[in-house]
Amino acid sequence: MNAVVRFACAAVLMLGLAGCYVAPYPYPYPAPAPADPMDQPWAAATGALQDVGLTVVTADRATGTLRGTRGNVEGIIEVRVRPDGRVGVEMKARDPDNRDPKLTDRMAEAYNRRMGR
């Protein structure tokens, strides 16, 4: 009887081990292509010109220059990728009649707001 119990236990163990399944090693998915570092700053700069009431008249992404006007008031935003890979933004305003003396400050505030800062 003792041999029968041992045999039954051994059979149950063998059947239990035969039913184990080991999944294959999970390989990582390929990484997505990196986004262009100019995308978000370019969109924010374009929106910033519109937020301060300027009409975008020139948008040359190759040179990174955006120009917006309202009458004889002109706002210029230059978006450039620096050698270290970071993006630099420079804002200038031309206002010969001094109608909007804080235009550059308002452009910077609108840009920072759109960038989530």
PDB file of N, CA and C in Angstrom:
ATOM      1  N   MET A   1       0.828  -1.191   0.000  1.00  0.00           N
ATOM      2  CA  MET A   1       0.000   0.000   0.000  1.00  0.00           C
ATOM      3  C   MET A   1       0.874   1.258   0.000  1.00  0.00           C
ATOM      4  N   ASN A   2       1.955   1.191   0.734  1.00  0.00           N
ATOM      5  CA  ASN A   2       2.870   2.316   0.788  1.00  0.00           C
ATOM      6  C   ASN A   2       3.466   2.589  -0.593  1.00  0.00           C
ATOM      7  N   ALA A   3       3.754   1.575  -1.347  1.00  0.00           N
ATOM      8  CA  ALA A   3       4.303   1.733  -2.687  1.00  0.00           C
ATOM      9  C   ALA A   3       3.273   2.329  -3.629  1.00  0.00           C
ATOM     10  N   VAL A   4       2.015   1.979  -3.436  1.00  0.00           N
ATOM     11  CA  VAL A   4       0.941   2.518  -4.277  1.00  0.00           C
ATOM     12  C   VAL A   4       0.785   4.016  -4.020  1.00  0.00           C
ATOM     13  N   VAL A   5       0.860   4.423  -2.767  1.00  0.00           N
ATOM     14  CA  VAL A   5       0.729   5.843  -2.420  1.00  0.00           C
ATOM     15  C   VAL A   5       1.904   6.624  -3.005  1.00  0.00           C
ATOM     16  N   ARG A   6       3.100   6.056  -2.902  1.00  0.00           N
ATOM     17  CA  ARG A   6       4.276   6.721  -3.467  1.00  0.00           C
ATOM     18  C   ARG A   6       4.141   6.866  -4.981  1.00  0.00           C
ATOM     19  N   PHE A   7       3.699   5.810  -5.608  1.00  0.00           N
ATOM     20  CA  PHE A   7       3.527   5.858  -7.059  1.00  0.00           C
ATOM     21  C   PHE A   7       2.483   6.903  -7.450  1.00  0.00           C
ATOM     22  N   ALA A   8       1.389   6.981  -6.715  1.00  0.00           N
ATOM     23  CA  ALA A   8       0.331   7.952  -7.009  1.00  0.00           C
ATOM     24  C   ALA A   8       0.858   9.379  -6.829  1.00  0.00           C
ATOM     25  N   CYS A   9       1.609   9.590  -5.748  1.00  0.00           N
ATOM     26  CA  CYS A   9       2.176  10.934  -5.513  1.00  0.00           C
ATOM     27  C   CYS A   9       3.171  11.300  -6.610  1.00  0.00           C
ATOM     28  N   ALA A  10       4.001  10.357  -7.005  1.00  0.00           N
ATOM     29  CA  ALA A  10       4.972  10.614  -8.065  1.00  0.00           C
ATOM     30  C   ALA A  10       4.270  10.910  -9.382  1.00  0.00           C
ATOM     31  N   ALA A  11       3.195  10.205  -9.683  1.00  0.00           N
ATOM     32  CA  ALA A  11       2.445  10.430 -10.917  1.00  0.00           C
ATOM     33  C   ALA A  11       1.805  11.812 -10.917  1.00  0.00           C
ATOM     34  N   VAL A  12       1.246  12.204  -9.782  1.00  0.00           N
ATOM     35  CA  VAL A  12       0.627  13.536  -9.679  1.00  0.00           C
ATOM     36  C   VAL A  12       1.692  14.615  -9.863  1.00  0.00           C
ATOM     37  N   LEU A  13       2.860  14.439  -9.250  1.00  0.00           N
ATOM     38  CA  LEU A  13       3.938  15.412  -9.412  1.00  0.00           C
ATOM     39  C   LEU A  13       4.408  15.506 -10.859  1.00  0.00           C
ATOM     40  N   MET A  14       4.548  14.370 -11.511  1.00  0.00           N
ATOM     41  CA  MET A  14       4.984  14.365 -12.909  1.00  0.00           C
ATOM     42  C   MET A  14       3.962  15.055 -13.807  1.00  0.00           C
ATOM     43  N   LEU A  15       2.702  14.779 -13.591  1.00  0.00           N
ATOM     44  CA  LEU A  15       1.665  15.425 -14.400  1.00  0.00           C
ATOM     45  C   LEU A  15       1.623  16.929 -14.126  1.00  0.00           C
ATOM     46  N   GLY A  16       1.841  17.315 -12.871  1.00  0.00           N
ATOM     47  CA  GLY A  16       1.857  18.737 -12.520  1.00  0.00           C
ATOM     48  C   GLY A  16       3.000  19.473 -13.188  1.00  0.00           C
ATOM     49  N   LEU A  17       4.177  18.856 -13.217  1.00  0.00           N
ATOM     50  CA  LEU A  17       5.322  19.493 -13.862  1.00  0.00           C
ATOM     51  C   LEU A  17       5.167  19.546 -15.373  1.00  0.00           C
ATOM     52  N   ALA A  18       4.528  18.562 -15.937  1.00  0.00           N
ATOM     53  CA  ALA A  18       4.343  18.544 -17.387  1.00  0.00           C
ATOM     54  C   ALA A  18       3.399  19.653 -17.837  1.00  0.00           C
ATOM     55  N   GLY A  19       2.548  20.128 -16.951  1.00  0.00           N
ATOM     56  CA  GLY A  19       1.588  21.169 -17.311  1.00  0.00           C
ATOM     57  C   GLY A  19       2.135  22.580 -17.163  1.00  0.00           C
ATOM     58  N   CYS A  20       3.353  22.756 -16.671  1.00  0.00           N
ATOM     59  CA  CYS A  20       3.924  24.095 -16.498  1.00  0.00           C
ATOM     60  C   CYS A  20       4.332  24.668 -17.852  1.00  0.00           C
ATOM     61  N   TYR A  21       4.047  25.939 -18.026  1.00  0.00           N
ATOM     62  CA  TYR A  21       4.389  26.616 -19.275  1.00  0.00           C
ATOM     63  C   TYR A  21       5.253  27.820 -18.936  1.00  0.00           C
ATOM     64  N   VAL A  22       6.310  27.991 -19.651  1.00  0.00           N
ATOM     65  CA  VAL A  22       7.184  29.144 -19.454  1.00  0.00           C
ATOM     66  C   VAL A  22       7.050  30.033 -20.685  1.00  0.00           C
ATOM     67  N   ALA A  23       6.625  31.276 -20.447  1.00  0.00           N
ATOM     68  CA  ALA A  23       6.447  32.221 -21.550  1.00  0.00           C
ATOM     69  C   ALA A  23       7.810  32.642 -22.093  1.00  0.00           C
ATOM     70  N   PRO A  24       7.873  32.980 -23.367  1.00  0.00           N
ATOM     71  CA  PRO A  24       9.147  33.440 -23.927  1.00  0.00           C
ATOM     72  C   PRO A  24       9.556  34.776 -23.305  1.00  0.00           C
ATOM     73  N   TYR A  25      10.834  35.074 -23.369  1.00  0.00           N
ATOM     74  CA  TYR A  25      11.362  36.309 -22.805  1.00  0.00           C
ATOM     75  C   TYR A  25      10.728  37.507 -23.512  1.00  0.00           C
ATOM     76  N   PRO A  26      10.202  38.484 -22.756  1.00  0.00           N
ATOM     77  CA  PRO A  26       9.560  39.645 -23.396  1.00  0.00           C
ATOM     78  C   PRO A  26      10.599  40.631 -23.933  1.00  0.00           C
ATOM     79  N   TYR A  27      10.677  40.736 -25.219  1.00  0.00           N
ATOM     80  CA  TYR A  27      11.599  41.679 -25.847  1.00  0.00           C
ATOM     81  C   TYR A  27      10.942  43.049 -25.910  1.00  0.00           C
ATOM     82  N   PRO A  28      11.702  44.114 -25.712  1.00  0.00           N
ATOM     83  CA  PRO A  28      11.109  45.458 -25.743  1.00  0.00           C
ATOM     84  C   PRO A  28      10.672  45.835 -27.157  1.00  0.00           C
ATOM     85  N   TYR A  29       9.648  46.670 -27.197  1.00  0.00           N
ATOM     86  CA  TYR A  29       9.187  47.192 -28.479  1.00  0.00           C
ATOM     87  C   TYR A  29      10.211  48.191 -29.005  1.00  0.00           C
ATOM     88  N   PRO A  30      10.280  48.363 -30.303  1.00  0.00           N
ATOM     89  CA  PRO A  30      11.222  49.356 -30.828  1.00  0.00           C
ATOM     90  C   PRO A  30      10.836  50.758 -30.348  1.00  0.00           C
ATOM     91  N   ALA A  31      11.822  51.554 -30.052  1.00  0.00           N
ATOM     92  CA  ALA A  31      11.581  52.916 -29.577  1.00  0.00           C
ATOM     93  C   ALA A  31      11.009  53.760 -30.709  1.00  0.00           C
ATOM     94  N   PRO A  32      10.058  54.646 -30.385  1.00  0.00           N
ATOM     95  CA  PRO A  32       9.528  55.520 -31.430  1.00  0.00           C
ATOM     96  C   PRO A  32      10.600  56.500 -31.901  1.00  0.00           C
ATOM     97  N   ALA A  33      10.428  56.977 -33.093  1.00  0.00           N
ATOM     98  CA  ALA A  33      11.380  57.947 -33.650  1.00  0.00           C
ATOM     99  C   ALA A  33      11.343  59.219 -32.803  1.00  0.00           C
ATOM    100  N   PRO A  34      12.490  59.808 -32.515  1.00  0.00           N
ATOM    101  CA  PRO A  34      12.493  61.020 -31.699  1.00  0.00           C
ATOM    102  C   PRO A  34      11.801  62.170 -32.428  1.00  0.00           C
ATOM    103  N   ALA A  35      11.074  62.959 -31.654  1.00  0.00           N
ATOM    104  CA  ALA A  35      10.361  64.101 -32.225  1.00  0.00           C
ATOM    105  C   ALA A  35      11.354  65.210 -32.568  1.00  0.00           C
ATOM    106  N   ASP A  36      10.996  66.019 -33.530  1.00  0.00           N
ATOM    107  CA  ASP A  36      11.825  67.154 -33.917  1.00  0.00           C
ATOM    108  C   ASP A  36      11.821  68.160 -32.760  1.00  0.00           C
ATOM    109  N   PRO A  37      12.981  68.580 -32.263  1.00  0.00           N
ATOM    110  CA  PRO A  37      13.007  69.509 -31.131  1.00  0.00           C
ATOM    111  C   PRO A  37      12.421  70.876 -31.465  1.00  0.00           C
ATOM    112  N   MET A  38      12.227  71.171 -32.748  1.00  0.00           N
ATOM    113  CA  MET A  38      11.672  72.468 -33.154  1.00  0.00           C
ATOM    114  C   MET A  38      10.142  72.488 -33.120  1.00  0.00           C
ATOM    115  N   ASP A  39       9.486  71.329 -33.083  1.00  0.00           N
ATOM    116  CA  ASP A  39       8.031  71.287 -33.223  1.00  0.00           C
ATOM    117  C   ASP A  39       7.309  72.144 -32.190  1.00  0.00           C
ATOM    118  N   GLN A  40       7.514  71.859 -30.905  1.00  0.00           N
ATOM    119  CA  GLN A  40       6.782  72.580 -29.869  1.00  0.00           C
ATOM    120  C   GLN A  40       7.169  74.060 -29.805  1.00  0.00           C
ATOM    121  N   PRO A  41       8.463  74.420 -29.803  1.00  0.00           N
ATOM    122  CA  PRO A  41       8.794  75.849 -29.772  1.00  0.00           C
ATOM    123  C   PRO A  41       8.272  76.612 -30.993  1.00  0.00           C
ATOM    124  N   TRP A  42       8.278  75.982 -32.159  1.00  0.00           N
ATOM    125  CA  TRP A  42       7.788  76.645 -33.370  1.00  0.00           C
ATOM    126  C   TRP A  42       6.289  76.924 -33.250  1.00  0.00           C
ATOM    127  N   ALA A  43       5.546  75.927 -32.806  1.00  0.00           N
ATOM    128  CA  ALA A  43       4.100  76.109 -32.642  1.00  0.00           C
ATOM    129  C   ALA A  43       3.807  77.160 -31.571  1.00  0.00           C
ATOM    130  N   ALA A  44       4.577  77.153 -30.482  1.00  0.00           N
ATOM    131  CA  ALA A  44       4.373  78.137 -29.419  1.00  0.00           C
ATOM    132  C   ALA A  44       4.696  79.545 -29.903  1.00  0.00           C
ATOM    133  N   ALA A  45       5.742  79.694 -30.697  1.00  0.00           N
ATOM    134  CA  ALA A  45       6.113  81.015 -31.217  1.00  0.00           C
ATOM    135  C   ALA A  45       5.052  81.532 -32.183  1.00  0.00           C
ATOM    136  N   THR A  46       4.546  80.655 -33.039  1.00  0.00           N
ATOM    137  CA  THR A  46       3.489  81.063 -33.971  1.00  0.00           C
ATOM    138  C   THR A  46       2.253  81.509 -33.204  1.00  0.00           C
ATOM    139  N   GLY A  47       1.864  80.732 -32.208  1.00  0.00           N
ATOM    140  CA  GLY A  47       0.701  81.086 -31.397  1.00  0.00           C
ATOM    141  C   GLY A  47       0.917  82.351 -30.593  1.00  0.00           C
ATOM    142  N   ALA A  48       2.145  82.572 -30.120  1.00  0.00           N
ATOM    143  CA  ALA A  48       2.438  83.770 -29.331  1.00  0.00           C
ATOM    144  C   ALA A  48       2.240  85.033 -30.154  1.00  0.00           C
ATOM    145  N   LEU A  49       2.670  85.006 -31.416  1.00  0.00           N
ATOM    146  CA  LEU A  49       2.451  86.177 -32.281  1.00  0.00           C
ATOM    147  C   LEU A  49       0.957  86.453 -32.433  1.00  0.00           C
ATOM    148  N   GLN A  50       0.187  85.403 -32.609  1.00  0.00           N
ATOM    149  CA  GLN A  50      -1.259  85.576 -32.767  1.00  0.00           C
ATOM    150  C   GLN A  50      -1.902  86.030 -31.459  1.00  0.00           C
ATOM    151  N   ASP A  51      -1.395  85.524 -30.319  1.00  0.00           N
ATOM    152  CA  ASP A  51      -1.957  85.898 -29.021  1.00  0.00           C
ATOM    153  C   ASP A  51      -1.807  87.384 -28.725  1.00  0.00           C
ATOM    154  N   VAL A  52      -0.735  88.003 -29.213  1.00  0.00           N
ATOM    155  CA  VAL A  52      -0.525  89.431 -28.941  1.00  0.00           C
ATOM    156  C   VAL A  52      -1.152  90.314 -30.016  1.00  0.00           C
ATOM    157  N   GLY A  53      -1.901  89.707 -30.929  1.00  0.00           N
ATOM    158  CA  GLY A  53      -2.642  90.482 -31.918  1.00  0.00           C
ATOM    159  C   GLY A  53      -1.913  90.754 -33.209  1.00  0.00           C
ATOM    160  N   LEU A  54      -0.831  90.040 -33.470  1.00  0.00           N
ATOM    161  CA  LEU A  54      -0.115  90.223 -34.726  1.00  0.00           C
ATOM    162  C   LEU A  54      -0.564  89.170 -35.729  1.00  0.00           C
ATOM    163  N   THR A  55      -0.544  89.539 -36.996  1.00  0.00           N
ATOM    164  CA  THR A  55      -0.848  88.607 -38.074  1.00  0.00           C
ATOM    165  C   THR A  55       0.465  88.052 -38.598  1.00  0.00           C
ATOM    166  N   VAL A  56       0.578  86.730 -38.611  1.00  0.00           N
ATOM    167  CA  VAL A  56       1.809  86.096 -39.093  1.00  0.00           C
ATOM    168  C   VAL A  56       1.882  86.281 -40.603  1.00  0.00           C
ATOM    169  N   VAL A  57       2.919  86.997 -41.059  1.00  0.00           N
ATOM    170  CA  VAL A  57       3.077  87.242 -42.495  1.00  0.00           C
ATOM    171  C   VAL A  57       4.222  86.431 -43.087  1.00  0.00           C
ATOM    172  N   THR A  58       5.183  86.035 -42.253  1.00  0.00           N
ATOM    173  CA  THR A  58       6.293  85.206 -42.718  1.00  0.00           C
ATOM    174  C   THR A  58       6.540  84.119 -41.688  1.00  0.00           C
ATOM    175  N   ALA A  59       6.596  82.885 -42.168  1.00  0.00           N
ATOM    176  CA  ALA A  59       6.916  81.745 -41.306  1.00  0.00           C
ATOM    177  C   ALA A  59       7.868  80.849 -42.088  1.00  0.00           C
ATOM    178  N   ASP A  60       9.154  81.091 -41.920  1.00  0.00           N
ATOM    179  CA  ASP A  60      10.175  80.334 -42.649  1.00  0.00           C
ATOM    180  C   ASP A  60      10.856  79.369 -41.681  1.00  0.00           C
ATOM    181  N   ARG A  61      10.395  78.145 -41.687  1.00  0.00           N
ATOM    182  CA  ARG A  61      10.918  77.163 -40.737  1.00  0.00           C
ATOM    183  C   ARG A  61      12.378  76.806 -41.032  1.00  0.00           C
ATOM    184  N   ALA A  62      12.783  76.878 -42.283  1.00  0.00           N
ATOM    185  CA  ALA A  62      14.172  76.550 -42.639  1.00  0.00           C
ATOM    186  C   ALA A  62      15.153  77.491 -41.941  1.00  0.00           C
ATOM    187  N   THR A  63      14.812  78.774 -41.865  1.00  0.00           N
ATOM    188  CA  THR A  63      15.680  79.730 -41.172  1.00  0.00           C
ATOM    189  C   THR A  63      15.244  79.942 -39.725  1.00  0.00           C
ATOM    190  N   GLY A  64      14.060  79.462 -39.360  1.00  0.00           N
ATOM    191  CA  GLY A  64      13.561  79.603 -38.000  1.00  0.00           C
ATOM    192  C   GLY A  64      13.012  80.976 -37.690  1.00  0.00           C
ATOM    193  N   THR A  65      12.582  81.706 -38.718  1.00  0.00           N
ATOM    194  CA  THR A  65      12.131  83.081 -38.523  1.00  0.00           C
ATOM    195  C   THR A  65      10.628  83.199 -38.702  1.00  0.00           C
ATOM    196  N   LEU A  66       9.991  83.835 -37.723  1.00  0.00           N
ATOM    197  CA  LEU A  66       8.566  84.165 -37.787  1.00  0.00           C
ATOM    198  C   LEU A  66       8.441  85.676 -37.709  1.00  0.00           C
ATOM    199  N   ARG A  67       7.580  86.233 -38.541  1.00  0.00           N
ATOM    200  CA  ARG A  67       7.372  87.683 -38.528  1.00  0.00           C
ATOM    201  C   ARG A  67       5.885  87.952 -38.548  1.00  0.00           C
ATOM    202  N   GLY A  68       5.448  88.788 -37.621  1.00  0.00           N
ATOM    203  CA  GLY A  68       4.045  89.173 -37.564  1.00  0.00           C
ATOM    204  C   GLY A  68       3.920  90.678 -37.542  1.00  0.00           C
ATOM    205  N   THR A  69       2.838  91.179 -38.132  1.00  0.00           N
ATOM    206  CA  THR A  69       2.640  92.631 -38.181  1.00  0.00           C
ATOM    207  C   THR A  69       1.221  92.992 -37.755  1.00  0.00           C
ATOM    208  N   ARG A  70       1.097  94.248 -37.326  1.00  0.00           N
ATOM    209  CA  ARG A  70      -0.195  94.876 -37.059  1.00  0.00           C
ATOM    210  C   ARG A  70       0.023  96.357 -37.347  1.00  0.00           C
ATOM    211  N   GLY A  71      -0.425  96.782 -38.501  1.00  0.00           N
ATOM    212  CA  GLY A  71      -0.131  98.147 -38.931  1.00  0.00           C
ATOM    213  C   GLY A  71       1.357  98.276 -39.194  1.00  0.00           C
ATOM    214  N   ASN A  72       2.000  99.273 -38.548  1.00  0.00           N
ATOM    215  CA  ASN A  72       3.447  99.405 -38.734  1.00  0.00           C
ATOM    216  C   ASN A  72       4.231  98.810 -37.558  1.00  0.00           C
ATOM    217  N   VAL A  73       3.536  98.094 -36.691  1.00  0.00           N
ATOM    218  CA  VAL A  73       4.185  97.381 -35.585  1.00  0.00           C
ATOM    219  C   VAL A  73       4.570  95.997 -36.090  1.00  0.00           C
ATOM    220  N   GLU A  74       5.803  95.593 -35.791  1.00  0.00           N
ATOM    221  CA  GLU A  74       6.288  94.307 -36.273  1.00  0.00           C
ATOM    222  C   GLU A  74       6.928  93.531 -35.125  1.00  0.00           C
ATOM    223  N   GLY A  75       6.590  92.248 -35.033  1.00  0.00           N
ATOM    224  CA  GLY A  75       7.207  91.356 -34.055  1.00  0.00           C
ATOM    225  C   GLY A  75       7.948  90.253 -34.785  1.00  0.00           C
ATOM    226  N   ILE A  76       9.161  89.965 -34.350  1.00  0.00           N
ATOM    227  CA  ILE A  76       9.980  88.932 -34.987  1.00  0.00           C
ATOM    228  C   ILE A  76      10.414  87.940 -33.912  1.00  0.00           C
ATOM    229  N   ILE A  77      10.203  86.667 -34.193  1.00  0.00           N
ATOM    230  CA  ILE A  77      10.663  85.604 -33.300  1.00  0.00           C
ATOM    231  C   ILE A  77      11.554  84.678 -34.116  1.00  0.00           C
ATOM    232  N   GLU A  78      12.748  84.442 -33.595  1.00  0.00           N
ATOM    233  CA  GLU A  78      13.689  83.531 -34.255  1.00  0.00           C
ATOM    234  C   GLU A  78      13.874  82.306 -33.366  1.00  0.00           C
ATOM    235  N   VAL A  79      13.607  81.136 -33.933  1.00  0.00           N
ATOM    236  CA  VAL A  79      13.731  79.863 -33.221  1.00  0.00           C
ATOM    237  C   VAL A  79      14.889  79.105 -33.856  1.00  0.00           C
ATOM    238  N   ARG A  80      15.894  78.788 -33.055  1.00  0.00           N
ATOM    239  CA  ARG A  80      17.087  78.126 -33.590  1.00  0.00           C
ATOM    240  C   ARG A  80      17.476  76.941 -32.707  1.00  0.00           C
ATOM    241  N   VAL A  81      18.003  75.901 -33.334  1.00  0.00           N
ATOM    242  CA  VAL A  81      18.568  74.775 -32.590  1.00  0.00           C
ATOM    243  C   VAL A  81      20.045  75.080 -32.362  1.00  0.00           C
ATOM    244  N   ARG A  82      20.449  75.076 -31.112  1.00  0.00           N
ATOM    245  CA  ARG A  82      21.835  75.371 -30.752  1.00  0.00           C
ATOM    246  C   ARG A  82      22.717  74.154 -31.003  1.00  0.00           C
ATOM    247  N   PRO A  83      24.034  74.353 -31.032  1.00  0.00           N
ATOM    248  CA  PRO A  83      24.944  73.215 -31.264  1.00  0.00           C
ATOM    249  C   PRO A  83      24.812  72.094 -30.228  1.00  0.00           C
ATOM    250  N   ASP A  84      24.388  72.440 -28.997  1.00  0.00           N
ATOM    251  CA  ASP A  84      24.249  71.404 -27.967  1.00  0.00           C
ATOM    252  C   ASP A  84      22.906  70.680 -28.042  1.00  0.00           C
ATOM    253  N   GLY A  85      22.069  71.026 -29.033  1.00  0.00           N
ATOM    254  CA  GLY A  85      20.793  70.342 -29.224  1.00  0.00           C
ATOM    255  C   GLY A  85      19.608  71.047 -28.595  1.00  0.00           C
ATOM    256  N   ARG A  86      19.852  72.029 -27.737  1.00  0.00           N
ATOM    257  CA  ARG A  86      18.743  72.773 -27.137  1.00  0.00           C
ATOM    258  C   ARG A  86      18.220  73.805 -28.130  1.00  0.00           C
ATOM    259  N   VAL A  87      17.013  74.277 -27.884  1.00  0.00           N
ATOM    260  CA  VAL A  87      16.390  75.247 -28.781  1.00  0.00           C
ATOM    261  C   VAL A  87      16.460  76.623 -28.135  1.00  0.00           C
ATOM    262  N   GLY A  88      16.922  77.605 -28.904  1.00  0.00           N
ATOM    263  CA  GLY A  88      16.983  78.982 -28.440  1.00  0.00           C
ATOM    264  C   GLY A  88      15.952  79.829 -29.166  1.00  0.00           C
ATOM    265  N   VAL A  89      15.348  80.752 -28.438  1.00  0.00           N
ATOM    266  CA  VAL A  89      14.319  81.620 -29.006  1.00  0.00           C
ATOM    267  C   VAL A  89      14.700  83.069 -28.721  1.00  0.00           C
ATOM    268  N   GLU A  90      14.654  83.896 -29.767  1.00  0.00           N
ATOM    269  CA  GLU A  90      14.963  85.320 -29.626  1.00  0.00           C
ATOM    270  C   GLU A  90      13.781  86.119 -30.158  1.00  0.00           C
ATOM    271  N   MET A  91      13.363  87.126 -29.394  1.00  0.00           N
ATOM    272  CA  MET A  91      12.209  87.941 -29.780  1.00  0.00           C
ATOM    273  C   MET A  91      12.624  89.394 -29.912  1.00  0.00           C
ATOM    274  N   LYS A  92      12.129  90.022 -30.974  1.00  0.00           N
ATOM    275  CA  LYS A  92      12.399  91.438 -31.217  1.00  0.00           C
ATOM    276  C   LYS A  92      11.096  92.099 -31.650  1.00  0.00           C
ATOM    277  N   ALA A  93      11.005  93.387 -31.391  1.00  0.00           N
ATOM    278  CA  ALA A  93       9.840  94.147 -31.842  1.00  0.00           C
ATOM    279  C   ALA A  93      10.309  95.459 -32.446  1.00  0.00           C
ATOM    280  N   ARG A  94       9.654  95.844 -33.526  1.00  0.00           N
ATOM    281  CA  ARG A  94       9.891  97.155 -34.147  1.00  0.00           C
ATOM    282  C   ARG A  94       8.587  97.929 -34.060  1.00  0.00           C
ATOM    283  N   ASP A  95       8.674  99.058 -33.394  1.00  0.00           N
ATOM    284  CA  ASP A  95       7.489  99.890 -33.195  1.00  0.00           C
ATOM    285  C   ASP A  95       7.901 101.350 -33.345  1.00  0.00           C
ATOM    286  N   PRO A  96       7.960 101.850 -34.592  1.00  0.00           N
ATOM    287  CA  PRO A  96       8.469 103.210 -34.811  1.00  0.00           C
ATOM    288  C   PRO A  96       7.661 104.295 -34.103  1.00  0.00           C
ATOM    289  N   ASP A  97       6.359 104.099 -33.948  1.00  0.00           N
ATOM    290  CA  ASP A  97       5.517 105.120 -33.310  1.00  0.00           C
ATOM    291  C   ASP A  97       5.370 104.887 -31.810  1.00  0.00           C
ATOM    292  N   ASN A  98       6.019 103.857 -31.276  1.00  0.00           N
ATOM    293  CA  ASN A  98       5.964 103.522 -29.856  1.00  0.00           C
ATOM    294  C   ASN A  98       4.525 103.323 -29.371  1.00  0.00           C
ATOM    295  N   ARG A  99       3.718 102.663 -30.184  1.00  0.00           N
ATOM    296  CA  ARG A  99       2.319 102.398 -29.820  1.00  0.00           C
ATOM    297  C   ARG A  99       2.187 101.217 -28.858  1.00  0.00           C
ATOM    298  N   ASP A 100       3.128 100.285 -28.927  1.00  0.00           N
ATOM    299  CA  ASP A 100       3.061  99.076 -28.102  1.00  0.00           C
ATOM    300  C   ASP A 100       4.446  98.820 -27.500  1.00  0.00           C
ATOM    301  N   PRO A 101       4.843  99.632 -26.490  1.00  0.00           N
ATOM    302  CA  PRO A 101       6.211  99.540 -25.978  1.00  0.00           C
ATOM    303  C   PRO A 101       6.542  98.215 -25.285  1.00  0.00           C
ATOM    304  N   LYS A 102       5.566  97.497 -24.808  1.00  0.00           N
ATOM    305  CA  LYS A 102       5.818  96.236 -24.096  1.00  0.00           C
ATOM    306  C   LYS A 102       5.520  95.019 -24.963  1.00  0.00           C
ATOM    307  N   LEU A 103       5.579  95.188 -26.273  1.00  0.00           N
ATOM    308  CA  LEU A 103       5.252  94.090 -27.181  1.00  0.00           C
ATOM    309  C   LEU A 103       6.180  92.894 -26.976  1.00  0.00           C
ATOM    310  N   THR A 104       7.462  93.135 -26.824  1.00  0.00           N
ATOM    311  CA  THR A 104       8.406  92.028 -26.633  1.00  0.00           C
ATOM    312  C   THR A 104       8.087  91.261 -25.352  1.00  0.00           C
ATOM    313  N   ASP A 105       7.758  91.986 -24.281  1.00  0.00           N
ATOM    314  CA  ASP A 105       7.406  91.324 -23.022  1.00  0.00           C
ATOM    315  C   ASP A 105       6.138  90.489 -23.178  1.00  0.00           C
ATOM    316  N   ARG A 106       5.150  91.027 -23.871  1.00  0.00           N
ATOM    317  CA  ARG A 106       3.898  90.282 -24.067  1.00  0.00           C
ATOM    318  C   ARG A 106       4.113  89.058 -24.952  1.00  0.00           C
ATOM    319  N   MET A 107       4.996  89.182 -25.966  1.00  0.00           N
ATOM    320  CA  MET A 107       5.311  88.015 -26.797  1.00  0.00           C
ATOM    321  C   MET A 107       5.986  86.934 -25.953  1.00  0.00           C
ATOM    322  N   ALA A 108       6.913  87.335 -25.084  1.00  0.00           N
ATOM    323  CA  ALA A 108       7.613  86.367 -24.228  1.00  0.00           C
ATOM    324  C   ALA A 108       6.642  85.690 -23.267  1.00  0.00           C
ATOM    325  N   GLU A 109       5.718  86.459 -22.692  1.00  0.00           N
ATOM    326  CA  GLU A 109       4.727  85.872 -21.784  1.00  0.00           C
ATOM    327  C   GLU A 109       3.829  84.881 -22.520  1.00  0.00           C
ATOM    328  N   ALA A 110       3.384  85.256 -23.715  1.00  0.00           N
ATOM    329  CA  ALA A 110       2.523  84.362 -24.497  1.00  0.00           C
ATOM    330  C   ALA A 110       3.278  83.099 -24.897  1.00  0.00           C
ATOM    331  N   TYR A 111       4.535  83.249 -25.282  1.00  0.00           N
ATOM    332  CA  TYR A 111       5.355  82.087 -25.659  1.00  0.00           C
ATOM    333  C   TYR A 111       5.532  81.149 -24.464  1.00  0.00           C
ATOM    334  N   ASN A 112       5.900  81.708 -23.315  1.00  0.00           N
ATOM    335  CA  ASN A 112       6.104  80.884 -22.120  1.00  0.00           C
ATOM    336  C   ASN A 112       4.816  80.193 -21.689  1.00  0.00           C
ATOM    337  N   ARG A 113       3.700  80.872 -21.806  1.00  0.00           N
ATOM    338  CA  ARG A 113       2.413  80.267 -21.459  1.00  0.00           C
ATOM    339  C   ARG A 113       2.123  79.074 -22.366  1.00  0.00           C
ATOM    340  N   ARG A 114       2.381  79.241 -23.658  1.00  0.00           N
ATOM    341  CA  ARG A 114       2.140  78.143 -24.607  1.00  0.00           C
ATOM    342  C   ARG A 114       3.131  76.992 -24.420  1.00  0.00           C
ATOM    343  N   MET A 115       4.310  77.279 -23.888  1.00  0.00           N
ATOM    344  CA  MET A 115       5.297  76.228 -23.618  1.00  0.00           C
ATOM    345  C   MET A 115       5.050  75.563 -22.262  1.00  0.00           C
ATOM    346  N   GLY A 116       4.058  76.052 -21.531  1.00  0.00           N
ATOM    347  CA  GLY A 116       3.730  75.450 -20.239  1.00  0.00           C
ATOM    348  C   GLY A 116       4.630  75.905 -19.110  1.00  0.00           C
ATOM    349  N   ARG A 117       5.180  77.084 -19.239  1.00  0.00           N
ATOM    350  CA  ARG A 117       6.080  77.602 -18.190  1.00  0.00           C
ATOM    351  C   ARG A 117       5.369  78.613 -17.334  1.00  0.00           C
TER     352      ARG A 117
END
